[in-house]
Each structure stands twice: as structure tokens, then as C-alpha cells.
Amino acid sequence: MKTIFTFLKPFKLHIIIAYTLTLVELAAELSFPLFLGLMIDQGVIPQNTNNIMMWGGIMLAVTIISFIAGIINSYYAAHVSTASAYNIRETLFNHIQQFTFEQLNKFPTSMEAMNAYQQMHKENPQKELYVLHTSRKEPNIMERKWVGVRS
């Protein structure tokens, strides 16, 4: 999760704006029952059309503000998601470009890598297999017994 947050860090202001606009939309939606109650109490029961028009206008203005906040929120949320996804793909591509030819030739396609994984899992089904990438010459790998339920 920390890795994902590092890609979101450059968009901190955009995320804050999106959350703020979401709260504006939420506040607008939650204020409608209050405005409707005031409209009924101050306009419908005493038959005061001026108060009905005033509260109706306030509700219309709040609706327009909520609509605008929703559009801007959608823009910022889409911008953050597409830009951060682009950055993740770019980082992954740059990382893969650093692989040696020996590493790339070991499993030329993902299907061959998956077939090799399935074959190893068939040979030893009680072991869970993981792929490890490290720059250490001697990685510290510990084997633990699985105590969960396998399907």
C-alpha cells in the first residue's frame, strides 16, 4: 500500500480538492430535508408564497452548486486516477527495461511463466510459491508451514 501512496503523493492537492468537493455534494444532499421542512413550516402552512419561492430558490441554488461540485470532483478524480496509473505503468516499464537478457529469456511469455508455476505447484502442491525480486546475492527466505484452508 505504501508503494501506491508514493504514486499518489504528487497529486496531494488534487485529492484534497476532490474530497472537499465530495463533502460539498454531501452537505448539499443532506441539507435538502432541512430546507424542505423550513419551506413547509414558513411557507406552505401559513400560505406565504414569498417564503415558498425563497426556499425553493435556495434549494435550486444548492442543487446547482452541488452539480458544479460533482462535475469538478469527477474531473479531479479522473485526472488523479489516470495520471497515477500512467506513472505506475511507466515505472514498471522502466523497471522491466533494466532486466538482463538472461532474465527475459528464461520465460519469454507470461504464459510460459504461468505454465512453469503450475508445473512446480503440481509437483509440490503443499508449498505456496512466490516470485522474489531482489538485488541481494543471498536473499533471506524463510519457509513457513501453512495452517490455513486451501480450496
Protein backbone atom coordinates (compact mmCIF):
# COMPACT_ATOMS: atom_id res chain seq x y z
CA MET A 1 0.00 0.00 0.00
CA LYS A 2 2.91 2.33 0.70
CA THR A 3 4.04 1.86 -2.89
CA ILE A 4 0.70 3.02 -4.23
CA PHE A 5 0.70 6.06 -1.96
CA THR A 6 4.10 7.12 -3.30
CA PHE A 7 2.50 7.38 -6.74
CA LEU A 8 -0.37 9.45 -5.30
CA LYS A 9 1.89 11.87 -3.42
CA PRO A 10 2.35 14.31 -6.36
CA PHE A 11 -1.44 14.67 -6.56
CA LYS A 12 -1.99 15.57 -2.90
CA LEU A 13 -3.66 18.91 -3.68
CA HIS A 14 -5.91 17.33 -6.32
CA ILE A 15 -7.00 14.62 -3.88
CA ILE A 16 -7.76 17.21 -1.19
CA ILE A 17 -9.82 19.23 -3.68
CA ALA A 18 -11.73 16.10 -4.77
CA TYR A 19 -12.53 15.13 -1.17
CA THR A 20 -13.59 18.69 -0.35
CA LEU A 21 -15.92 18.78 -3.33
CA THR A 22 -17.34 15.42 -2.29
CA LEU A 23 -18.10 16.91 1.13
CA VAL A 24 -19.79 19.90 -0.57
CA GLU A 25 -22.00 17.49 -2.52
CA LEU A 26 -22.77 15.53 0.64
CA ALA A 27 -23.64 18.65 2.61
CA ALA A 28 -25.93 19.82 -0.18
CA GLU A 29 -27.75 16.49 -0.32
CA LEU A 30 -28.14 16.34 3.45
CA SER A 31 -29.43 19.92 3.69
CA PHE A 32 -32.47 19.35 1.46
CA PRO A 33 -34.70 17.82 4.19
CA LEU A 34 -33.93 20.86 6.38
CA PHE A 35 -34.80 23.30 3.59
CA LEU A 36 -37.95 21.37 2.74
CA GLY A 37 -39.04 21.40 6.38
CA LEU A 38 -38.44 25.15 6.62
CA MET A 39 -40.34 25.67 3.37
CA ILE A 40 -43.32 23.75 4.76
CA ASP A 41 -43.18 25.45 8.18
CA GLN A 42 -42.67 29.00 6.91
CA GLY A 43 -44.38 28.90 3.52
CA VAL A 44 -46.93 26.13 2.99
CA ILE A 45 -48.64 26.08 6.41
CA PRO A 46 -49.02 29.90 6.67
CA GLN A 47 -49.66 30.03 2.87
CA ASN A 48 -46.83 32.52 2.33
CA THR A 49 -45.79 32.21 -1.33
CA ASN A 50 -42.82 34.54 -0.84
CA ASN A 51 -41.22 32.11 1.63
CA ILE A 52 -42.01 29.17 -0.66
CA MET A 53 -40.27 30.96 -3.54
CA MET A 54 -37.32 31.95 -1.31
CA TRP A 55 -36.72 28.38 -0.01
CA GLY A 56 -37.30 26.97 -3.49
CA GLY A 57 -34.67 29.37 -4.85
CA ILE A 58 -32.24 28.41 -2.10
CA MET A 59 -32.79 24.72 -2.89
CA LEU A 60 -32.25 25.42 -6.61
CA ALA A 61 -29.01 27.31 -5.86
CA VAL A 62 -27.77 24.49 -3.62
CA THR A 63 -28.62 21.99 -6.38
CA ILE A 64 -26.61 23.99 -8.93
CA ILE A 65 -23.65 24.28 -6.53
CA SER A 66 -23.81 20.53 -5.86
CA PHE A 67 -23.96 19.82 -9.61
CA ILE A 68 -20.92 22.01 -10.33
CA ALA A 69 -19.02 20.47 -7.40
CA GLY A 70 -19.82 17.00 -8.76
CA ILE A 71 -18.51 17.83 -12.23
CA ILE A 72 -15.28 19.35 -10.88
CA ASN A 73 -14.88 16.44 -8.46
CA SER A 74 -15.22 13.96 -11.34
CA TYR A 75 -12.56 15.85 -13.31
CA TYR A 76 -10.05 15.81 -10.43
CA ALA A 77 -10.75 12.17 -9.55
CA ALA A 78 -10.32 11.10 -13.18
CA HIS A 79 -7.14 13.15 -13.50
CA VAL A 80 -5.60 11.62 -10.37
CA SER A 81 -6.53 8.07 -11.35
CA THR A 82 -5.31 8.27 -14.94
CA ALA A 83 -2.12 10.17 -14.14
CA SER A 84 -1.15 7.89 -11.25
CA ALA A 85 -1.93 4.79 -13.34
CA TYR A 86 0.27 6.21 -16.10
CA ASN A 87 3.09 6.78 -13.61
CA ILE A 88 2.77 3.23 -12.28
CA ARG A 89 2.90 1.76 -15.79
CA GLU A 90 5.86 3.97 -16.69
CA THR A 91 7.77 2.93 -13.57
CA LEU A 92 7.01 -0.73 -14.22
CA PHE A 93 8.13 -0.41 -17.85
CA ASN A 94 11.38 1.29 -16.81
CA HIS A 95 11.98 -1.46 -14.25
CA ILE A 96 11.40 -4.20 -16.82
CA GLN A 97 13.78 -2.45 -19.22
CA GLN A 98 16.55 -2.99 -16.67
CA PHE A 99 16.20 -6.78 -16.81
CA THR A 100 19.07 -8.66 -18.39
CA PHE A 101 18.55 -10.76 -21.50
CA GLU A 102 19.13 -13.85 -19.38
CA GLN A 103 16.22 -12.89 -17.15
CA LEU A 104 13.96 -12.10 -20.10
CA ASN A 105 14.85 -15.30 -21.98
CA LYS A 106 14.08 -17.54 -19.01
CA PHE A 107 10.32 -17.02 -19.54
CA PRO A 108 9.77 -15.23 -22.84
CA THR A 109 6.00 -15.02 -22.37
CA SER A 110 3.75 -14.77 -19.35
CA MET A 111 2.00 -17.98 -20.44
CA GLU A 112 5.29 -19.90 -20.18
CA ALA A 113 5.94 -18.41 -16.75
CA MET A 114 2.43 -19.42 -15.62
CA ASN A 115 2.89 -22.94 -17.02
CA ALA A 116 6.17 -23.29 -15.12
CA TYR A 117 4.44 -22.12 -11.93
CA GLN A 118 1.59 -24.62 -12.42
CA GLN A 119 4.04 -27.45 -13.08
CA MET A 120 6.01 -26.67 -9.90
CA HIS A 121 2.73 -26.43 -7.96
CA LYS A 122 1.58 -29.83 -9.30
CA GLU A 123 4.86 -31.42 -8.27
CA ASN A 124 4.67 -29.99 -4.75
CA PRO A 125 1.06 -28.84 -4.03
CA GLN A 126 1.59 -28.31 -0.30
CA LYS A 127 4.02 -25.46 -0.97
CA GLU A 128 2.94 -21.98 -1.87
CA LEU A 129 5.24 -20.42 -4.45
CA TYR A 130 6.20 -16.76 -4.64
CA VAL A 131 8.30 -14.78 -7.05
CA LEU A 132 11.06 -12.78 -5.40
CA HIS A 133 12.97 -9.92 -6.97
CA THR A 134 15.91 -8.58 -5.03
CA SER A 135 19.37 -7.19 -5.62
CA ARG A 136 20.82 -9.27 -2.76
CA LYS A 137 23.17 -12.10 -3.65
CA GLU A 138 21.82 -14.25 -0.78
CA PRO A 139 18.16 -13.45 -0.06
CA ASN A 140 16.85 -14.28 3.40
CA ILE A 141 13.94 -16.61 2.62
CA MET A 142 12.10 -18.46 5.37
CA GLU A 143 9.74 -21.35 4.77
CA ARG A 144 6.66 -21.46 6.97
CA LYS A 145 4.09 -24.19 7.36
CA TRP A 146 0.65 -23.25 6.07
CA VAL A 147 -2.08 -23.63 8.69
CA GLY A 148 -5.00 -22.23 6.67
CA VAL A 149 -7.62 -23.83 4.49
CA ARG A 150 -6.89 -24.39 0.80
CA SER A 151 -9.64 -24.64 -1.73
